[in-house]
Amino acid sequence: MIPAIGIGPLGKSEWSVGGLGTSVPSVTGAASGGTGQSFGDALTKAVGSLENSQATASTASEQLATGQITDPTQAITAVENASLAMDFASQMRNQIDAAATTIFQTQL
């Protein structure tokens, strides 16, 4: 079962794509003026993690097609994790776009 994402800064467990590699560290103190990493750094790391999961899925599917993997569930799991990561990134992009549109349409 997938745990619910809590309110507040996201930790490593919420950004993790499973056993496929890196995760994005939490952004701490950004809203409170503390010293945390910038949004750009977090976004860069998230895109890097997405690229890693896509590369892992591609490699796993190639190995499945050539018979190098004896357990097909490894390839299926890698491809599904990459698919979920891409769906999540797409939804995040849609939400950020909607928020930016709302902000730009706000009249003062």
Foldseek 3Di string as FASTA:
>chain_A
DDDDADPDWGAQVVQDLPPQDDGAHTAPPPVVVDDGDDPVVSVVVLVVSLVSLVVLLVVLVVCVVVVVDPDNVVNVSSVVSSVVSVVVVVVVVVVVVVVVVVVVPDDD
